[in-house]
Amino acid sequence: MPPTQQQEYLHAVALRYFFFFSPFFSRLELYFLSSMSATQAALAKVRSRMIKTARGFHDYNFRTYFVNHIKDDFTALAAKSTEEQKAFLAKDARKQLKEMQRMVLVSRLYADNRKVFVDRNEKDASPPPASKE
């Protein structure tokens, strides 16, 4: 049974209401997402979530590697057809995001909290001389 015009209208209003008051989208994001296709909007959302997750790595080298890797992958994905982008979203996107979240969690569990660079004030700080009274 096809939906009536009133049902379609109510569905559209409900979606606008959900996205307008959604904690996941800011109003600026909604402005830009409204001008994109649904696939491009979903890719942009997955890309931003993956980059945010990758920035959770404690180690600088891992963090920069994964951020650059994600940017390169999504740049290459933008050149592909819409069907390939939809296939990526359906199969790999969620799997890769969950995998990266697990990697970040493990890296935080075994993070080394030592400072690589020692502050000059901490290094040169010596106790005050004892008074000769």
Protein backbone atom coordinates (compact mmCIF):
# COMPACT_ATOMS: atom_id res chain seq x y z
CA MET A 1 0.00 0.00 0.00
CA PRO A 2 1.63 3.27 -1.05
CA PRO A 3 1.76 6.02 1.55
CA THR A 4 -0.68 8.86 1.24
CA GLN A 5 0.39 12.44 0.76
CA GLN A 6 -0.43 13.22 4.38
CA GLN A 7 1.70 10.30 5.63
CA GLU A 8 4.63 11.45 3.50
CA TYR A 9 4.25 14.97 4.87
CA LEU A 10 4.15 13.75 8.47
CA HIS A 11 7.19 11.57 7.85
CA ALA A 12 9.13 14.53 6.40
CA VAL A 13 8.14 16.75 9.33
CA ALA A 14 9.16 14.07 11.83
CA LEU A 15 12.56 13.68 10.17
CA ARG A 16 13.17 17.43 10.17
CA TYR A 17 12.18 17.60 13.83
CA PHE A 18 14.46 14.68 14.71
CA PHE A 19 17.47 16.11 12.90
CA PHE A 20 16.86 19.64 14.18
CA PHE A 21 16.84 18.55 17.81
CA SER A 22 19.26 15.67 17.42
CA PRO A 23 22.33 15.77 19.70
CA PHE A 24 24.36 14.16 16.90
CA PHE A 25 24.10 17.04 14.44
CA SER A 26 24.82 20.69 15.01
CA ARG A 27 22.77 23.23 13.08
CA LEU A 28 25.78 24.07 10.93
CA GLU A 29 26.19 20.39 10.04
CA LEU A 30 22.52 20.20 9.14
CA TYR A 31 22.91 23.19 6.84
CA PHE A 32 25.74 21.53 4.94
CA LEU A 33 24.17 18.07 5.03
CA SER A 34 20.95 19.39 3.51
CA SER A 35 22.81 20.40 0.35
CA MET A 36 24.42 16.94 -0.07
CA SER A 37 22.98 13.67 -1.21
CA ALA A 38 22.16 11.11 1.45
CA THR A 39 25.20 8.99 0.55
CA GLN A 40 27.58 11.93 0.73
CA ALA A 41 26.10 13.01 4.05
CA ALA A 42 26.51 9.51 5.48
CA LEU A 43 30.10 9.35 4.22
CA ALA A 44 30.86 12.73 5.78
CA LYS A 45 29.40 11.59 9.10
CA VAL A 46 31.36 8.31 9.10
CA ARG A 47 34.56 10.15 8.11
CA SER A 48 34.20 12.66 10.95
CA ARG A 49 33.47 9.90 13.48
CA MET A 50 36.48 7.88 12.33
CA ILE A 51 38.78 10.91 12.53
CA LYS A 52 37.44 11.76 15.99
CA THR A 53 38.07 8.17 17.08
CA ALA A 54 41.58 8.18 15.57
CA ARG A 55 42.44 11.31 17.53
CA GLY A 56 41.89 9.27 20.69
CA PHE A 57 45.20 7.43 20.28
CA HIS A 58 47.65 8.33 23.02
CA ASP A 59 50.73 7.90 20.83
CA TYR A 60 51.43 10.71 18.34
CA ASN A 61 52.66 8.36 15.61
CA PHE A 62 49.56 6.15 15.69
CA ARG A 63 47.30 9.18 15.88
CA THR A 64 48.76 10.94 12.84
CA TYR A 65 49.03 7.71 10.85
CA PHE A 66 45.37 6.81 11.29
CA VAL A 67 44.10 10.36 10.69
CA ASN A 68 46.09 10.61 7.45
CA HIS A 69 45.08 7.08 6.43
CA ILE A 70 41.38 7.87 6.93
CA LYS A 71 41.63 11.11 4.97
CA ASP A 72 43.38 9.34 2.09
CA ASP A 73 40.85 6.50 2.05
CA PHE A 74 37.86 8.83 1.96
CA THR A 75 39.47 10.99 -0.73
CA ALA A 76 39.88 7.88 -2.87
CA LEU A 77 36.32 6.80 -2.04
CA ALA A 78 34.93 10.16 -3.21
CA ALA A 79 36.18 9.41 -6.73
CA LYS A 80 34.25 6.13 -6.87
CA SER A 81 30.68 5.63 -8.01
CA THR A 82 27.68 6.04 -5.75
CA GLU A 83 27.04 2.29 -5.78
CA GLU A 84 30.56 1.58 -4.50
CA GLN A 85 30.13 4.24 -1.82
CA LYS A 86 26.85 2.66 -0.72
CA ALA A 87 28.52 -0.76 -0.64
CA PHE A 88 31.28 0.65 1.57
CA LEU A 89 28.71 2.16 3.92
CA ALA A 90 26.73 -1.08 4.05
CA LYS A 91 29.66 -3.44 4.59
CA ASP A 92 32.84 -1.85 5.81
CA ALA A 93 32.15 1.51 7.43
CA ARG A 94 30.68 0.35 10.73
CA LYS A 95 33.13 -2.55 10.94
CA GLN A 96 36.14 -0.26 10.49
CA LEU A 97 34.80 2.26 13.00
CA LYS A 98 34.24 -0.41 15.67
CA GLU A 99 37.66 -1.88 14.94
CA MET A 100 39.33 1.49 15.40
CA GLN A 101 37.42 2.12 18.63
CA ARG A 102 38.76 -1.18 19.99
CA MET A 103 42.31 -0.26 18.93
CA VAL A 104 42.04 3.10 20.69
CA LEU A 105 40.75 1.40 23.83
CA VAL A 106 43.63 -1.08 23.87
CA SER A 107 46.19 1.66 23.21
CA ARG A 108 44.80 3.64 26.16
CA LEU A 109 44.97 0.58 28.41
CA TYR A 110 48.68 0.15 27.72
CA ALA A 111 49.59 3.81 27.31
CA ASP A 112 52.92 4.98 28.67
CA ASN A 113 52.37 8.09 30.76
CA ARG A 114 56.00 9.14 30.90
CA LYS A 115 56.92 12.54 29.56
CA VAL A 116 59.16 12.53 26.54
CA PHE A 117 60.31 16.08 27.11
CA VAL A 118 61.20 17.19 30.61
CA ASP A 119 60.44 20.76 31.54
CA ARG A 120 63.49 22.85 32.22
CA ASN A 121 62.03 24.02 35.52
CA GLU A 122 61.59 20.44 36.74
CA LYS A 123 65.06 19.38 35.63
CA ASP A 124 67.00 22.30 37.09
CA ALA A 125 64.97 22.64 40.24
CA SER A 126 67.18 21.94 43.18
CA PRO A 127 66.25 22.18 46.84
CA PRO A 128 67.00 25.53 48.47
CA PRO A 129 70.29 25.68 50.37
CA ALA A 130 70.09 24.84 54.05
CA SER A 131 70.44 27.79 56.38
CA LYS A 132 73.57 27.91 58.58
CA GLU A 133 72.00 29.04 61.79
